[in-house]
Amino acid sequence: MRQEIQEGWAHFFLVTYWDSYDSIKAFAGDNYSIAVTYQDDEVFELLSDPFVFHHEVSQVNPI
């Protein structure tokens, strides 16, 4: 996760790793390029970018 402050707002960038697109679809549904949000997000003033970007990687190195 990475955080940036822009115009008084904290922006968080999150990377997750999935074993397959089927796993992503099981979590997010068939329209898996749209972000999954929750009903209470507004209570905590959480604003989500509506789009999710998926990338395939051949290797992941531990940090």
N, C-alpha and C. Protein backbone atom coordinates (compact mmCIF):
# COMPACT_ATOMS: atom_id res chain seq x y z
N MET A 1 0.84 -1.15 0.00
CA MET A 1 0.00 0.00 0.00
C MET A 1 0.90 1.23 0.00
N ARG A 2 0.43 2.26 -0.71
CA ARG A 2 1.15 3.53 -0.75
C ARG A 2 0.15 4.65 -0.47
N GLN A 3 0.60 5.69 0.21
CA GLN A 3 -0.26 6.82 0.53
C GLN A 3 0.35 8.09 -0.05
N GLU A 4 -0.51 8.93 -0.61
CA GLU A 4 -0.09 10.26 -1.07
C GLU A 4 -1.12 11.27 -0.57
N ILE A 5 -0.66 12.46 -0.21
CA ILE A 5 -1.56 13.54 0.18
C ILE A 5 -1.65 14.50 -1.00
N GLN A 6 -2.89 14.74 -1.46
CA GLN A 6 -3.12 15.64 -2.59
C GLN A 6 -4.30 16.54 -2.24
N GLU A 7 -4.06 17.83 -2.22
CA GLU A 7 -5.10 18.83 -1.94
C GLU A 7 -5.88 18.50 -0.67
N GLY A 8 -5.17 18.08 0.37
CA GLY A 8 -5.81 17.82 1.65
C GLY A 8 -6.46 16.46 1.80
N TRP A 9 -6.41 15.64 0.76
CA TRP A 9 -6.99 14.30 0.81
C TRP A 9 -5.87 13.27 0.83
N ALA A 10 -6.05 12.22 1.62
CA ALA A 10 -5.10 11.10 1.64
C ALA A 10 -5.57 10.07 0.62
N HIS A 11 -4.70 9.74 -0.32
CA HIS A 11 -4.99 8.74 -1.34
C HIS A 11 -4.17 7.50 -1.03
N PHE A 12 -4.82 6.35 -1.04
CA PHE A 12 -4.14 5.08 -0.77
C PHE A 12 -4.18 4.23 -2.03
N PHE A 13 -3.05 3.67 -2.38
CA PHE A 13 -2.93 2.79 -3.54
C PHE A 13 -2.64 1.39 -3.02
N LEU A 14 -3.49 0.46 -3.38
CA LEU A 14 -3.43 -0.88 -2.82
C LEU A 14 -3.20 -1.90 -3.92
N VAL A 15 -2.29 -2.83 -3.67
CA VAL A 15 -2.02 -3.92 -4.61
C VAL A 15 -2.39 -5.22 -3.92
N THR A 16 -3.15 -6.06 -4.61
CA THR A 16 -3.47 -7.39 -4.09
C THR A 16 -3.04 -8.42 -5.12
N TYR A 17 -2.80 -9.62 -4.65
CA TYR A 17 -2.37 -10.71 -5.53
C TYR A 17 -3.42 -11.81 -5.48
N TRP A 18 -3.84 -12.27 -6.65
CA TRP A 18 -4.84 -13.32 -6.78
C TRP A 18 -4.25 -14.46 -7.58
N ASP A 19 -4.71 -15.66 -7.32
CA ASP A 19 -4.14 -16.81 -8.04
C ASP A 19 -4.75 -17.02 -9.42
N SER A 20 -5.91 -16.39 -9.68
CA SER A 20 -6.54 -16.55 -11.00
C SER A 20 -7.63 -15.49 -11.18
N TYR A 21 -8.04 -15.30 -12.43
CA TYR A 21 -9.16 -14.41 -12.69
C TYR A 21 -10.45 -14.99 -12.13
N ASP A 22 -10.56 -16.31 -12.08
CA ASP A 22 -11.74 -16.94 -11.48
C ASP A 22 -11.88 -16.56 -10.01
N SER A 23 -10.76 -16.46 -9.30
CA SER A 23 -10.80 -16.04 -7.89
C SER A 23 -11.26 -14.59 -7.77
N ILE A 24 -10.80 -13.75 -8.67
CA ILE A 24 -11.23 -12.35 -8.67
C ILE A 24 -12.72 -12.26 -8.93
N LYS A 25 -13.19 -13.01 -9.93
CA LYS A 25 -14.62 -13.01 -10.25
C LYS A 25 -15.47 -13.55 -9.11
N ALA A 26 -14.95 -14.53 -8.37
CA ALA A 26 -15.69 -15.07 -7.23
C ALA A 26 -15.88 -13.99 -6.16
N PHE A 27 -14.92 -13.09 -6.02
CA PHE A 27 -15.01 -12.01 -5.05
C PHE A 27 -15.82 -10.83 -5.59
N ALA A 28 -15.50 -10.39 -6.82
CA ALA A 28 -16.04 -9.13 -7.35
C ALA A 28 -17.21 -9.30 -8.30
N GLY A 29 -17.45 -10.51 -8.78
CA GLY A 29 -18.51 -10.72 -9.76
C GLY A 29 -17.98 -10.63 -11.17
N ASP A 30 -18.88 -10.83 -12.13
CA ASP A 30 -18.47 -10.84 -13.54
C ASP A 30 -17.91 -9.51 -14.01
N ASN A 31 -18.38 -8.41 -13.43
CA ASN A 31 -17.89 -7.08 -13.80
C ASN A 31 -16.74 -6.70 -12.88
N TYR A 32 -15.67 -7.48 -12.92
CA TYR A 32 -14.58 -7.37 -11.95
C TYR A 32 -13.64 -6.19 -12.19
N SER A 33 -13.91 -5.37 -13.18
CA SER A 33 -13.12 -4.15 -13.38
C SER A 33 -13.75 -2.95 -12.67
N ILE A 34 -14.87 -3.19 -12.00
CA ILE A 34 -15.52 -2.15 -11.19
C ILE A 34 -15.22 -2.45 -9.73
N ALA A 35 -14.81 -1.44 -8.99
CA ALA A 35 -14.41 -1.62 -7.59
C ALA A 35 -15.56 -2.13 -6.73
N VAL A 36 -15.24 -3.01 -5.81
CA VAL A 36 -16.20 -3.47 -4.81
C VAL A 36 -16.20 -2.44 -3.67
N THR A 37 -17.36 -1.91 -3.37
CA THR A 37 -17.49 -0.95 -2.28
C THR A 37 -18.54 -1.47 -1.30
N TYR A 38 -18.59 -0.83 -0.15
CA TYR A 38 -19.49 -1.27 0.91
C TYR A 38 -20.41 -0.14 1.32
N GLN A 39 -21.59 -0.49 1.80
CA GLN A 39 -22.62 0.48 2.14
C GLN A 39 -22.14 1.52 3.15
N ASP A 40 -21.34 1.13 4.12
CA ASP A 40 -20.88 2.06 5.17
C ASP A 40 -19.68 2.90 4.76
N ASP A 41 -19.17 2.76 3.56
CA ASP A 41 -18.00 3.54 3.13
C ASP A 41 -18.23 5.04 3.30
N GLU A 42 -19.43 5.52 2.97
CA GLU A 42 -19.71 6.95 3.07
C GLU A 42 -19.66 7.44 4.51
N VAL A 43 -20.04 6.61 5.47
CA VAL A 43 -20.00 6.99 6.88
C VAL A 43 -18.58 7.35 7.29
N PHE A 44 -17.61 6.65 6.73
CA PHE A 44 -16.20 6.88 7.05
C PHE A 44 -15.52 7.80 6.03
N GLU A 45 -16.32 8.46 5.19
CA GLU A 45 -15.84 9.38 4.15
C GLU A 45 -14.84 8.70 3.22
N LEU A 46 -15.10 7.43 2.90
CA LEU A 46 -14.25 6.70 1.96
C LEU A 46 -14.81 6.87 0.56
N LEU A 47 -14.00 7.41 -0.31
CA LEU A 47 -14.37 7.56 -1.71
C LEU A 47 -13.48 6.65 -2.53
N SER A 48 -14.07 5.83 -3.34
CA SER A 48 -13.30 4.85 -4.10
C SER A 48 -13.27 5.21 -5.57
N ASP A 49 -12.12 5.03 -6.19
CA ASP A 49 -12.06 5.10 -7.64
C ASP A 49 -12.95 3.98 -8.15
N PRO A 50 -13.83 4.24 -9.09
CA PRO A 50 -14.76 3.19 -9.52
C PRO A 50 -14.11 2.07 -10.34
N PHE A 51 -12.92 2.28 -10.84
CA PHE A 51 -12.30 1.29 -11.73
C PHE A 51 -11.13 0.59 -11.06
N VAL A 52 -10.97 -0.67 -11.40
CA VAL A 52 -9.87 -1.50 -10.90
C VAL A 52 -9.03 -1.92 -12.10
N PHE A 53 -7.73 -1.90 -11.94
CA PHE A 53 -6.83 -2.30 -13.02
C PHE A 53 -6.18 -3.63 -12.66
N HIS A 54 -6.21 -4.56 -13.60
CA HIS A 54 -5.64 -5.89 -13.39
C HIS A 54 -4.42 -6.05 -14.28
N HIS A 55 -3.37 -6.63 -13.72
CA HIS A 55 -2.15 -6.89 -14.46
C HIS A 55 -1.69 -8.30 -14.15
N GLU A 56 -1.25 -9.00 -15.15
CA GLU A 56 -0.68 -10.32 -14.93
C GLU A 56 0.82 -10.17 -14.74
N VAL A 57 1.36 -10.86 -13.75
CA VAL A 57 2.79 -10.83 -13.47
C VAL A 57 3.34 -12.25 -13.51
N SER A 58 4.59 -12.36 -13.89
CA SER A 58 5.20 -13.69 -13.97
C SER A 58 5.93 -14.06 -12.69
N GLN A 59 6.23 -13.05 -11.86
CA GLN A 59 7.00 -13.31 -10.64
C GLN A 59 6.70 -12.23 -9.62
N VAL A 60 6.62 -12.63 -8.36
CA VAL A 60 6.44 -11.69 -7.26
C VAL A 60 7.56 -11.91 -6.27
N ASN A 61 8.33 -10.87 -6.02
CA ASN A 61 9.44 -10.96 -5.07
C ASN A 61 9.02 -10.39 -3.73
N PRO A 62 9.31 -11.08 -2.64
CA PRO A 62 8.97 -10.54 -1.32
C PRO A 62 9.72 -9.24 -1.05
N ILE A 63 9.09 -8.38 -0.30
CA ILE A 63 9.71 -7.09 0.05
C ILE A 63 10.64 -7.29 1.22
